[in-house]
């Protein structure tokens, strides 16, 4: 789950980036308590009018969210993915938001993808069967 090399080993965030990432993480914390149907509807409404995000843009947003939020940096994949797409949307972009499951062993996961490739996720993410998506 490392940040792509394009960001550098120590990509620094500006004060404005930190504030935006904190705000998105806070909003995501509230949204993840909603039902899946409501969450998808909200994300679909928010994405309207956004241009597709590139992989570096999505990676930068993910890095910012993980940097400012302990929960997003840990096992809070749903909050991390929602905060990442919200931060991308603040910049006028939208990557694909996905949630899915795998059966052996059973696990659920949420991630952000660009052109069908998960951004900043481990290689085993391709083993998850997507259940919910909000495409770009």
Foldseek 3Di string as FASTA:
>chain_A
DDQDCVCPPDNDDDPVLLVLLVVLLVVLVVLVVDDPVVSLVVLLVLLPQAAADDLVLLSVLLVSNLVNDVCLVPDVQSSSARSSQSSCVVVRHGFKKWWFWAVVPTDIGIATDHPPHTHPDDPCVVRTDTDDMNHD
